[in-house]
C-alpha atoms as a PDB file:
ATOM      1  CA  MET A   1       5.631  58.566  23.529  1.00  0.00           C
ATOM      2  CA  ILE A   2       8.083  58.012  26.414  1.00  0.00           C
ATOM      3  CA  THR A   3       5.529  55.777  28.153  1.00  0.00           C
ATOM      4  CA  ILE A   4       5.171  53.658  25.007  1.00  0.00           C
ATOM      5  CA  VAL A   5       8.955  53.279  24.703  1.00  0.00           C
ATOM      6  CA  MET A   6       9.219  52.263  28.369  1.00  0.00           C
ATOM      7  CA  THR A   7       6.444  49.702  27.912  1.00  0.00           C
ATOM      8  CA  HIS A   8       8.182  48.317  24.834  1.00  0.00           C
ATOM      9  CA  ASN A   9      11.465  48.146  26.763  1.00  0.00           C
ATOM     10  CA  LYS A  10       9.781  46.084  29.473  1.00  0.00           C
ATOM     11  CA  LYS A  11       8.228  43.789  26.876  1.00  0.00           C
ATOM     12  CA  PHE A  12      11.544  43.322  25.079  1.00  0.00           C
ATOM     13  CA  THR A  13      13.247  42.530  28.369  1.00  0.00           C
ATOM     14  CA  GLN A  14      10.575  39.913  29.072  1.00  0.00           C
ATOM     15  CA  PHE A  15      10.844  38.523  25.518  1.00  0.00           C
ATOM     16  CA  ARG A  16      14.603  38.102  25.950  1.00  0.00           C
ATOM     17  CA  HIS A  17      14.135  36.475  29.339  1.00  0.00           C
ATOM     18  CA  GLU A  18      11.697  33.953  27.884  1.00  0.00           C
ATOM     19  CA  SER A  19      14.035  33.211  25.005  1.00  0.00           C
ATOM     20  CA  ASP A  20      16.903  32.536  27.423  1.00  0.00           C
ATOM     21  CA  THR A  21      14.660  30.304  29.542  1.00  0.00           C
ATOM     22  CA  TRP A  22      13.636  28.271  26.501  1.00  0.00           C
ATOM     23  CA  LYS A  23      17.257  27.842  25.417  1.00  0.00           C
ATOM     24  CA  ARG A  24      18.167  26.511  28.859  1.00  0.00           C
ATOM     25  CA  TYR A  25      15.192  24.170  28.864  1.00  0.00           C
ATOM     26  CA  LEU A  26      16.030  22.827  25.397  1.00  0.00           C
ATOM     27  CA  GLN A  27      19.575  22.208  26.573  1.00  0.00           C
ATOM     28  CA  PHE A  28      18.155  20.248  29.511  1.00  0.00           C
ATOM     29  CA  ILE A  29      15.927  18.179  27.206  1.00  0.00           C
ATOM     30  CA  GLN A  30      18.913  17.469  24.969  1.00  0.00           C
ATOM     31  CA  GLN A  31      20.981  16.294  27.930  1.00  0.00           C
ATOM     32  CA  GLU A  32      18.160  14.104  29.221  1.00  0.00           C
ATOM     33  CA  ASN A  33      17.571  12.686  25.751  1.00  0.00           C
ATOM     34  CA  ASN A  34      21.279  11.847  25.458  1.00  0.00           C
ATOM     35  CA  HIS A  35      21.089  10.139  28.840  1.00  0.00           C
ATOM     36  CA  LEU A  36      18.118   8.051  27.674  1.00  0.00           C
ATOM     37  CA  LYS A  37      19.958   7.031  24.495  1.00  0.00           C
ATOM     38  CA  THR A  38      22.966   6.031  26.574  1.00  0.00           C
ATOM     39  CA  ARG A  39      20.736   4.016  28.903  1.00  0.00           C
ATOM     40  CA  LEU A  40      19.155   2.265  25.933  1.00  0.00           C
ATOM     41  CA  SER A  41      22.601   1.402  24.608  1.00  0.00           C
ATOM     42  CA  GLN A  42      23.624  -0.025  27.996  1.00  0.00           C
ATOM     43  CA  VAL A  43      20.501  -2.160  28.213  1.00  0.00           C
ATOM     44  CA  LEU A  44      20.974  -3.464  24.672  1.00  0.00           C
ATOM     45  CA  GLN A  45      24.387  -4.820  25.613  1.00  0.00           C
ATOM     46  CA  HIS A  46      22.671  -7.313  27.933  1.00  0.00           C
ATOM     47  CA  ASP A  47      19.172  -7.956  26.631  1.00  0.00           C
ATOM     48  CA  THR A  48      18.766  -8.697  22.950  1.00  0.00           C
ATOM     49  CA  ASP A  49      15.665 -10.832  22.472  1.00  0.00           C
ATOM     50  CA  GLU A  50      13.675  -9.965  19.368  1.00  0.00           C
ATOM     51  CA  GLN A  51      10.720  -8.403  21.158  1.00  0.00           C
ATOM     52  CA  PHE A  52      13.003  -6.179  23.201  1.00  0.00           C
ATOM     53  CA  LEU A  53      14.921  -5.160  20.055  1.00  0.00           C
ATOM     54  CA  GLU A  54      11.707  -4.094  18.339  1.00  0.00           C
ATOM     55  CA  ARG A  55      10.720  -1.912  21.266  1.00  0.00           C
ATOM     56  CA  ALA A  56      14.275  -0.559  21.514  1.00  0.00           C
ATOM     57  CA  GLU A  57      14.091   0.500  17.868  1.00  0.00           C
ATOM     58  CA  TYR A  58      10.834   2.294  18.602  1.00  0.00           C
ATOM     59  CA  PHE A  59      12.396   4.245  21.469  1.00  0.00           C
ATOM     60  CA  GLN A  60      15.562   4.961  19.492  1.00  0.00           C
ATOM     61  CA  SER A  61      13.488   6.484  16.679  1.00  0.00           C
ATOM     62  CA  LYS A  62      11.550   8.574  19.227  1.00  0.00           C
ATOM     63  CA  PHE A  63      14.824   9.813  20.766  1.00  0.00           C
ATOM     64  CA  ILE A  64      16.108  10.807  17.316  1.00  0.00           C
ATOM     65  CA  ALA A  65      12.824  12.575  16.550  1.00  0.00           C
ATOM     66  CA  GLU A  66      13.203  14.444  19.848  1.00  0.00           C
ATOM     67  CA  ASP A  67      16.671  15.605  18.763  1.00  0.00           C
ATOM     68  CA  ASP A  68      15.160  16.901  15.525  1.00  0.00           C
ATOM     69  CA  THR A  69      12.404  18.732  17.390  1.00  0.00           C
ATOM     70  CA  VAL A  70      14.893  20.360  19.756  1.00  0.00           C
ATOM     71  CA  ASN A  71      17.005  21.488  16.801  1.00  0.00           C
ATOM     72  CA  MET A  72      13.987  23.009  15.044  1.00  0.00           C
ATOM     73  CA  LEU A  73      12.961  24.859  18.192  1.00  0.00           C
ATOM     74  CA  ARG A  74      16.503  26.131  18.659  1.00  0.00           C
ATOM     75  CA  GLN A  75      16.344  27.525  15.125  1.00  0.00           C
ATOM     76  CA  ASP A  76      13.017  29.220  15.885  1.00  0.00           C
ATOM     77  CA  ILE A  77      14.494  30.754  19.037  1.00  0.00           C
ATOM     78  CA  HIS A  78      17.551  31.884  17.096  1.00  0.00           C
ATOM     79  CA  GLU A  79      15.300  33.702  14.619  1.00  0.00           C
ATOM     80  CA  LEU A  80      13.416  35.266  17.499  1.00  0.00           C
ATOM     81  CA  ASP A  81      16.707  36.341  19.089  1.00  0.00           C
ATOM     82  CA  ASN A  82      17.710  37.969  15.808  1.00  0.00           C
ATOM     83  CA  MET A  83      14.527  40.008  15.865  1.00  0.00           C
ATOM     84  CA  LEU A  84      15.152  40.959  19.494  1.00  0.00           C
ATOM     85  CA  SER A  85      18.779  41.922  18.906  1.00  0.00           C
ATOM     86  CA  LYS A  86      17.887  44.692  16.473  1.00  0.00           C
ATOM     87  CA  GLU A  87      17.099  48.204  17.544  1.00  0.00           C
ATOM     88  CA  MET A  88      13.949  48.204  19.556  1.00  0.00           C
ATOM     89  CA  PRO A  89      11.176  48.994  17.115  1.00  0.00           C
ATOM     90  CA  GLU A  90       8.600  51.510  18.061  1.00  0.00           C
ATOM     91  CA  ASP A  91       5.981  50.447  15.557  1.00  0.00           C
ATOM     92  CA  ALA A  92       3.102  48.371  16.821  1.00  0.00           C
ATOM     93  CA  ASN A  93       3.249  45.896  13.914  1.00  0.00           C
ATOM     94  CA  THR A  94       6.705  44.645  14.882  1.00  0.00           C
ATOM     95  CA  ILE A  95       5.656  44.310  18.508  1.00  0.00           C
ATOM     96  CA  LYS A  96       2.560  42.382  17.430  1.00  0.00           C
ATOM     97  CA  GLU A  97       4.680  40.080  15.242  1.00  0.00           C
ATOM     98  CA  LEU A  98       7.017  39.387  18.168  1.00  0.00           C
ATOM     99  CA  GLN A  99       4.066  38.696  20.457  1.00  0.00           C
ATOM    100  CA  LYS A 100       2.591  36.344  17.859  1.00  0.00           C
ATOM    101  CA  ARG A 101       5.882  34.431  17.584  1.00  0.00           C
ATOM    102  CA  LEU A 102       6.245  34.283  21.345  1.00  0.00           C
ATOM    103  CA  LYS A 103       2.730  32.928  21.738  1.00  0.00           C
ATOM    104  CA  LYS A 104       3.512  30.210  19.200  1.00  0.00           C
ATOM    105  CA  MET A 105       6.768  29.383  20.997  1.00  0.00           C
ATOM    106  CA  HIS A 106       4.876  29.110  24.301  1.00  0.00           C
ATOM    107  CA  LYS A 107       2.550  26.541  22.753  1.00  0.00           C
ATOM    108  CA  ASP A 108       5.394  24.676  21.046  1.00  0.00           C
ATOM    109  CA  MET A 109       7.434  24.514  24.229  1.00  0.00           C
ATOM    110  CA  GLU A 110       4.449  23.243  26.231  1.00  0.00           C
ATOM    111  CA  ILE A 111       3.874  20.503  23.668  1.00  0.00           C
ATOM    112  CA  VAL A 112       7.542  19.516  23.624  1.00  0.00           C
ATOM    113  CA  GLU A 113       7.665  19.415  27.401  1.00  0.00           C
ATOM    114  CA  ARG A 114       4.595  17.159  27.614  1.00  0.00           C
ATOM    115  CA  GLN A 115       5.789  14.873  24.826  1.00  0.00           C
ATOM    116  CA  PHE A 116       9.289  14.532  26.209  1.00  0.00           C
ATOM    117  CA  ASN A 117       8.069  13.826  29.736  1.00  0.00           C
ATOM    118  CA  LYS A 118       5.739  11.152  28.368  1.00  0.00           C
ATOM    119  CA  LEU A 119       8.522   9.614  26.286  1.00  0.00           C
ATOM    120  CA  LYS A 120      10.878   9.538  29.267  1.00  0.00           C
ATOM    121  CA  SER A 121       8.191   8.065  31.497  1.00  0.00           C
ATOM    122  CA  ASP A 122       7.195   5.438  28.904  1.00  0.00           C
ATOM    123  CA  PHE A 123      10.812   4.427  28.389  1.00  0.00           C
ATOM    124  CA  ASN A 124      11.568   4.119  32.086  1.00  0.00           C
ATOM    125  CA  LEU A 125       8.343   2.214  32.702  1.00  0.00           C
ATOM    126  CA  TYR A 126       9.143  -0.159  29.841  1.00  0.00           C
ATOM    127  CA  LEU A 127      12.611  -0.845  31.221  1.00  0.00           C
ATOM    128  CA  THR A 128      11.214  -1.383  34.706  1.00  0.00           C
ATOM    129  CA  GLU A 129       8.696  -3.912  33.417  1.00  0.00           C
ATOM    130  CA  SER A 130      11.049  -5.598  30.948  1.00  0.00           C
ATOM    131  CA  LEU A 131      14.215  -6.110  32.938  1.00  0.00           C
END
């Protein structure tokens, strides 16, 4: 029984660490996304042909969608944190549920990271080619 509790303690410590890492990474994405929106605004002050405006609208909508995604993931992490803040459960079902949620968060965070990096790269490439 003591070995099981120690194993669960280690898992909970790791779960909390991952949650904290994800929160920091989402904060970074939010800051980068804000920077991209600011850059778009700066560029629009000087270049306003119709084709550029259409593409700017596309990127602006993608940046807003990224904000929404970050907010949803923050909510998911908050729910996970609530589960982790309770007394450490000893039953295997709760541990399995936490592991299931963590696995989903891993996948979601990987997807968000790839999508955001592509968006940032596409935007910067577009500006490089357009200006």
